[in-house]
Every structure is written in structure tokens, then in C-alpha cells.
Amino acid sequence: MSYLSVSTWSLHRLLGPLRWTSWDAEAGEHRTNEEPQPEVLSLLELPREAARRGYAAVEICHFHFPSKGSAYLKSLRQAFADAAVSFDTLLLDYGDPSTTDEARQAADGRLFREWIDIASQCGAKRIRIVAGEAQPSDEQAIRKSAQTLRELAEYASDRGVRVVTENFKALTSTGESCAKLLNQAGDAVGMITDFGNYKGEAKYDEIAMTAPRSSSVHAKPVYDENGEPDEAELIRCLEAVRGTSYDGAFVLIYDGPGDMWDGLERTKRIVAPFV
């Protein structure tokens, strides 16, 4: 049965500093760069607020975690339980399973496993790992990414977490490359379909191609300068999903101007009839 969810990206101006992960090739190590943002709402308060606003689930971006300590992760897990809201997916925004840089490959592998452990501790059902930054026509990169995702899925399964990827970044920027990757990765690896990440007129067919294999769809509208969604375009995306067997979360995405909760409400009005 489908339901409404929200991503912390849609609230990124409210949840405190953003902690971006990057690769320092010269030093051969990861860096964390903190971008200041006000904390109007803490991550521990978010599940209850999401429930109050009619959301059954939340997806959390990794850069919103203020701590990776066990005590904090236990508190976050309890916050979701107390609010009766599902922590559906931990969205790891950094990483490249398709990289040919051996140093980065090893470092990313350790980081992937670290965040899988974090997902397990705080009760996330899934972790989204980006498939890679190689071009979608690079068959070798698709094979490499699929193999890495399979191995990570096995590691995650032992910890009660499912690995999913997304049509996010270059390697999975087309429906065709997503299908190839998923076919090679096997059933142990799932998918997220993001409306905003397919481009051009083919996007609606691509949405229909990957939605049936997805655990969530990111309902990301096209917005004007005032933060008003293009309703006709969003409905066309939703109709593409409706024509498939998809039956999961509709995760609302907003990154326009003004109040972010108000922006989400404008999107919810359009999406709710499809849930």
C-alpha cells in the first residue's frame, strides 16, 4: 500500500549544519566540510513533526547526522518508534562504486560499510548507495558497480538493511543504464526512482521502466521562481507511476524558496490523490 514520506533534503534549511563528504585525491582520504545552517528543528524532533503533518515515513540524508555515536543513533531509533513513523531509507549521497581509483575504491568501501552499520543501528530499513559517476554507456563501469552493490547488499543483509540505488549521478542517468545495472546486481539490490533525475521527453517512459523495481519514488516537481510546482508535469510523472505495479512510498521533495514546509504542502496537494 502506497504512502507519503518526506526527505530531509526537503528541509535542509531547517535541520542544522550540512556535513558534506568529499574525496581529497591528493591526500588520498575523505574530507568532511561543514556548511552552516540554522537548526530550527532537530533530527530527533523530526519523526514526531513528520507524523503531525501526515507523513508515514522519512528518508534522512547522511549529511544531516549531527553524530555517529551509538548513544545518538539509539536515540534516533527511539524517536522514530515513539512517533510510529518509519525510517525508510538512509540516503548516502557520497561514493562512487564505479571508480577505477584504487585508493578511493578502498576508502569508499570502508565508508559504505560504516554507513550500513549506522543504518542498522538507527533502524533504517534501507540505505541508498549511489551507483557511480561514470558515463551510462560505460558497460565496464556498470559491471563494476553492480558487483560492488551486490557485495554491499550481502554485508547489509546480515545487519537487517537492504541496499538500494537511484537514478542519481551519471551512471544511472538513463532508464536503460538503470535496467542494466539492476539486472546485473540481482534482486538483492533495490531502486529509488527520482522524477527530477531523468531528463527530456523520454523521462516518463524511464519512470515507468524503473518504478516497478523501486522501494520509493521521489516526487520532485519542476518549480518556478516562486516555488510553485508545475502541476501538469508532476501529474504526468505520477501517471507514469500509476500505470505500473508500483506500491511504495511517495517521497515529497522541495528545494524552492520560502518556507520549506509550505512548499511541501503545495506538492502534497498534487501527490496525495495518487497515494
Protein backbone atom coordinates (compact mmCIF):
# COMPACT_ATOMS: atom_id res chain seq x y z
CA MET A 1 0.00 0.00 0.00
CA SER A 2 1.46 3.37 -1.01
CA TYR A 3 2.01 6.19 1.50
CA LEU A 4 3.53 9.64 1.90
CA SER A 5 7.11 10.20 3.02
CA VAL A 6 9.45 13.16 3.19
CA SER A 7 13.19 13.53 2.60
CA THR A 8 15.34 15.64 4.90
CA TRP A 9 16.68 17.31 1.76
CA SER A 10 13.28 19.00 1.56
CA LEU A 11 14.01 20.55 4.98
CA HIS A 12 17.73 21.20 4.63
CA ARG A 13 17.44 24.86 5.64
CA LEU A 14 15.87 23.84 8.97
CA LEU A 15 17.87 20.87 10.31
CA GLY A 16 21.21 22.40 11.22
CA PRO A 17 24.63 22.24 9.54
CA LEU A 18 25.17 20.12 6.41
CA ARG A 19 28.21 17.86 6.62
CA TRP A 20 29.36 17.18 3.05
CA THR A 21 31.74 14.30 2.32
CA SER A 22 34.30 14.67 -0.47
CA TRP A 23 37.35 12.83 -1.77
CA ASP A 24 40.73 14.52 -1.46
CA ALA A 25 42.70 12.77 -4.21
CA GLU A 26 45.98 14.44 -3.28
CA ALA A 27 45.76 13.33 0.35
CA GLY A 28 44.10 10.03 -0.53
CA GLU A 29 41.36 10.42 2.07
CA HIS A 30 37.84 11.65 2.69
CA ARG A 31 37.11 15.15 3.90
CA THR A 32 34.06 16.50 5.71
CA ASN A 33 33.13 20.09 5.01
CA GLU A 34 30.50 21.67 7.24
CA GLU A 35 28.06 24.18 5.74
CA PRO A 36 26.31 26.30 8.40
CA GLN A 37 22.52 26.16 8.52
CA PRO A 38 20.14 27.10 11.36
CA GLU A 39 18.67 24.30 13.45
CA VAL A 40 15.00 25.19 13.62
CA LEU A 41 14.15 21.51 14.10
CA SER A 42 16.47 18.78 15.35
CA LEU A 43 16.71 15.41 13.66
CA LEU A 44 15.42 13.82 16.87
CA GLU A 45 12.32 16.03 16.71
CA LEU A 46 11.67 15.34 13.04
CA PRO A 47 9.78 12.00 13.30
CA ARG A 48 7.13 13.46 15.59
CA GLU A 49 6.78 16.59 13.44
CA ALA A 50 6.53 14.47 10.28
CA ALA A 51 3.77 12.38 11.87
CA ARG A 52 1.91 15.54 12.91
CA ARG A 53 1.99 16.72 9.30
CA GLY A 54 0.65 13.47 7.85
CA TYR A 55 3.79 11.61 6.79
CA ALA A 56 4.14 7.89 7.48
CA ALA A 57 7.88 7.73 6.78
CA VAL A 58 11.08 9.76 6.48
CA GLU A 59 14.27 9.45 4.43
CA ILE A 60 17.38 11.00 6.03
CA CYS A 61 20.40 12.28 4.08
CA HIS A 62 23.71 11.25 5.63
CA PHE A 63 24.93 14.84 5.85
CA HIS A 64 22.17 15.67 8.35
CA PHE A 65 23.51 13.33 11.04
CA PRO A 66 24.98 15.51 13.82
CA SER A 67 26.59 12.43 15.41
CA LYS A 68 27.50 8.87 14.53
CA GLY A 69 27.85 7.84 18.17
CA SER A 70 25.97 4.79 19.40
CA ALA A 71 24.00 6.73 22.04
CA TYR A 72 22.76 9.22 19.45
CA LEU A 73 21.83 6.51 16.94
CA LYS A 74 19.89 4.68 19.65
CA SER A 75 18.03 7.92 20.47
CA LEU A 76 17.18 8.45 16.81
CA ARG A 77 15.84 4.91 16.52
CA GLN A 78 13.68 5.51 19.61
CA ALA A 79 12.40 8.82 18.23
CA PHE A 80 11.03 7.02 15.18
CA ALA A 81 9.50 4.29 17.33
CA ASP A 82 7.85 6.83 19.66
CA ALA A 83 6.35 8.71 16.71
CA ALA A 84 5.22 5.49 14.94
CA VAL A 85 6.96 6.74 11.80
CA SER A 86 9.09 4.50 9.57
CA PHE A 87 12.75 5.35 8.95
CA ASP A 88 12.59 4.05 5.41
CA THR A 89 15.96 4.97 3.91
CA LEU A 90 19.28 6.47 4.88
CA LEU A 91 20.40 8.41 1.80
CA LEU A 92 24.18 8.22 1.45
CA ASP A 93 24.94 11.00 -1.03
CA TYR A 94 28.66 10.37 -1.38
CA GLY A 95 30.53 7.49 -3.04
CA ASP A 96 31.43 6.02 -6.42
CA PRO A 97 31.29 2.21 -6.78
CA SER A 98 32.35 2.62 -10.42
CA THR A 99 35.67 4.38 -9.66
CA THR A 100 38.90 2.94 -11.06
CA ASP A 101 41.00 4.85 -8.49
CA GLU A 102 42.20 2.03 -6.22
CA ALA A 103 42.78 4.29 -3.21
CA ARG A 104 39.34 5.81 -3.46
CA GLN A 105 37.79 2.42 -4.12
CA ALA A 106 39.20 1.04 -0.86
CA ALA A 107 38.29 4.17 1.14
CA ASP A 108 34.77 4.31 -0.30
CA GLY A 109 34.30 0.63 0.51
CA ARG A 110 35.10 1.28 4.16
CA LEU A 111 32.80 4.30 4.19
CA PHE A 112 29.92 2.34 2.61
CA ARG A 113 30.20 -0.31 5.31
CA GLU A 114 30.44 2.28 8.05
CA TRP A 115 27.17 3.85 6.94
CA ILE A 116 25.50 0.46 6.55
CA ASP A 117 26.40 -0.17 10.19
CA ILE A 118 24.96 3.24 11.10
CA ALA A 119 21.74 2.46 9.20
CA SER A 120 21.43 -0.79 11.13
CA GLN A 121 21.97 0.88 14.49
CA CYS A 122 19.44 3.66 13.98
CA GLY A 123 16.76 1.42 12.49
CA ALA A 124 16.79 2.43 8.82
CA LYS A 125 15.22 -0.24 6.63
CA ARG A 126 17.35 0.64 3.63
CA ILE A 127 20.46 2.54 2.61
CA ARG A 128 20.70 4.31 -0.75
CA ILE A 129 24.16 3.99 -2.32
CA VAL A 130 24.84 5.98 -5.47
CA ALA A 131 25.77 3.66 -8.36
CA GLY A 132 28.55 5.81 -9.75
CA GLU A 133 29.80 8.77 -11.73
CA ALA A 134 30.96 7.03 -14.93
CA GLN A 135 29.02 7.58 -18.13
CA PRO A 136 25.86 5.47 -18.63
CA SER A 137 27.33 3.98 -21.82
CA ASP A 138 30.33 2.55 -19.92
CA GLU A 139 29.49 -1.16 -19.74
CA GLN A 140 32.57 -1.98 -17.67
CA ALA A 141 31.58 0.64 -15.08
CA ILE A 142 28.08 -0.82 -14.89
CA ARG A 143 29.50 -4.29 -14.27
CA LYS A 144 31.88 -2.97 -11.62
CA SER A 145 29.16 -1.01 -9.84
CA ALA A 146 26.74 -3.96 -9.94
CA GLN A 147 29.35 -6.25 -8.41
CA THR A 148 30.15 -3.75 -5.64
CA LEU A 149 26.46 -3.20 -4.87
CA ARG A 150 25.90 -6.99 -4.70
CA GLU A 151 28.74 -7.35 -2.21
CA LEU A 152 27.43 -4.45 -0.13
CA ALA A 153 23.92 -5.92 -0.22
CA GLU A 154 25.25 -9.14 1.28
CA TYR A 155 27.04 -7.21 4.03
CA ALA A 156 23.91 -5.14 4.71
CA SER A 157 21.56 -8.12 4.73
CA ASP A 158 23.40 -9.61 7.69
CA ARG A 159 22.64 -6.35 9.53
CA GLY A 160 18.95 -6.15 8.64
CA VAL A 161 19.38 -3.44 6.00
CA ARG A 162 18.58 -3.53 2.28
CA VAL A 163 20.82 -1.77 -0.26
CA VAL A 164 19.10 0.33 -2.90
CA THR A 165 20.47 2.66 -5.54
CA GLU A 166 18.87 5.50 -7.50
CA ASN A 167 18.76 7.19 -10.90
CA PHE A 168 21.20 9.71 -9.41
CA LYS A 169 24.57 10.77 -10.88
CA ALA A 170 25.78 9.94 -14.37
CA LEU A 171 25.95 6.12 -14.40
CA THR A 172 22.23 5.69 -13.74
CA SER A 173 21.02 8.81 -15.53
CA THR A 174 19.04 6.79 -18.11
CA GLY A 175 16.39 4.14 -17.74
CA GLU A 176 18.44 1.80 -19.91
CA SER A 177 21.56 2.02 -17.73
CA CYS A 178 19.44 1.60 -14.59
CA ALA A 179 17.89 -1.58 -16.02
CA LYS A 180 21.29 -2.99 -16.98
CA LEU A 181 22.68 -2.26 -13.52
CA LEU A 182 19.72 -3.79 -11.69
CA ASN A 183 19.73 -6.88 -13.90
CA GLN A 184 23.41 -7.46 -13.19
CA ALA A 185 23.16 -6.63 -9.48
CA GLY A 186 20.26 -9.04 -8.95
CA ASP A 187 17.26 -8.97 -6.65
CA ALA A 188 19.35 -8.19 -3.55
CA VAL A 189 19.72 -4.59 -4.76
CA GLY A 190 16.70 -2.29 -4.95
CA MET A 191 15.98 1.07 -6.54
CA ILE A 192 14.67 4.58 -5.99
CA THR A 193 13.14 6.45 -8.92
CA ASP A 194 13.52 10.24 -8.76
CA PHE A 195 11.26 12.25 -11.08
CA GLY A 196 13.78 15.07 -11.37
CA ASN A 197 16.79 13.00 -12.33
CA TYR A 198 15.59 11.70 -15.69
CA LYS A 199 15.75 14.32 -18.42
CA GLY A 200 13.99 15.03 -21.69
CA GLU A 201 10.85 13.61 -23.21
CA ALA A 202 11.98 10.03 -22.53
CA LYS A 203 11.76 10.60 -18.75
CA TYR A 204 8.15 9.42 -18.47
CA ASP A 205 8.92 6.09 -20.13
CA GLU A 206 12.04 5.81 -17.94
CA ILE A 207 9.98 6.43 -14.80
CA ALA A 208 7.64 3.64 -15.85
CA MET A 209 10.65 1.42 -16.51
CA THR A 210 12.22 1.68 -13.05
CA ALA A 211 9.24 2.42 -10.77
CA PRO A 212 8.17 -1.25 -10.52
CA ARG A 213 11.62 -2.13 -9.17
CA SER A 214 11.66 0.77 -6.70
CA SER A 215 11.03 0.89 -2.97
CA SER A 216 10.28 4.61 -3.17
CA VAL A 217 9.75 7.30 -5.76
CA HIS A 218 10.97 10.83 -5.19
CA ALA A 219 8.11 13.10 -6.21
CA LYS A 220 10.25 16.06 -7.25
CA PRO A 221 8.33 18.68 -9.24
CA VAL A 222 9.64 21.35 -11.54
CA TYR A 223 9.27 24.66 -9.64
CA ASP A 224 9.03 28.25 -10.81
CA GLU A 225 10.89 31.15 -9.19
CA ASN A 226 8.16 31.43 -6.53
CA GLY A 227 8.35 27.78 -5.55
CA GLU A 228 5.09 26.86 -7.30
CA PRO A 229 5.16 23.34 -8.79
CA ASP A 230 4.40 22.65 -12.44
CA GLU A 231 1.25 20.68 -11.69
CA ALA A 232 0.72 19.27 -15.19
CA GLU A 233 4.28 17.99 -15.42
CA LEU A 234 4.17 16.42 -11.95
CA ILE A 235 0.86 14.71 -12.74
CA ARG A 236 2.38 13.30 -15.91
CA CYS A 237 5.16 11.76 -13.78
CA LEU A 238 2.62 10.40 -11.30
CA GLU A 239 0.52 8.94 -14.11
CA ALA A 240 3.63 7.14 -15.38
CA VAL A 241 3.95 5.50 -11.95
CA ARG A 242 0.22 4.75 -11.72
CA GLY A 243 0.46 2.74 -14.94
CA THR A 244 2.88 0.28 -13.28
CA SER A 245 2.73 -2.17 -10.38
CA TYR A 246 4.44 0.31 -8.02
CA ASP A 247 3.07 0.29 -4.47
CA GLY A 248 5.50 2.06 -2.15
CA ALA A 249 6.43 5.42 -0.69
CA PHE A 250 5.92 8.73 -2.46
CA VAL A 251 8.71 10.86 -1.01
CA LEU A 252 8.00 14.57 -1.37
CA ILE A 253 10.92 16.75 -2.45
CA TYR A 254 11.06 20.52 -2.16
CA ASP A 255 14.04 22.82 -2.66
CA GLY A 256 12.45 26.08 -3.67
CA PRO A 257 12.29 29.50 -2.00
CA GLY A 258 10.31 30.40 1.09
CA ASP A 259 9.05 28.18 3.88
CA MET A 260 10.01 24.59 3.13
CA TRP A 261 7.00 23.04 4.91
CA ASP A 262 4.70 25.29 2.86
CA GLY A 263 6.47 24.18 -0.30
CA LEU A 264 5.96 20.55 0.68
CA GLU A 265 2.25 21.20 1.25
CA ARG A 266 1.88 22.53 -2.29
CA THR A 267 3.43 19.33 -3.61
CA LYS A 268 1.41 17.13 -1.24
CA ARG A 269 -1.83 18.55 -2.61
CA ILE A 270 -0.94 17.22 -6.05
CA VAL A 271 0.56 13.90 -4.98
CA ALA A 272 -2.00 12.86 -2.34
CA PRO A 273 -4.71 11.73 -4.82
CA PHE A 274 -2.23 9.22 -6.28
CA VAL A 275 -1.47 7.61 -2.89
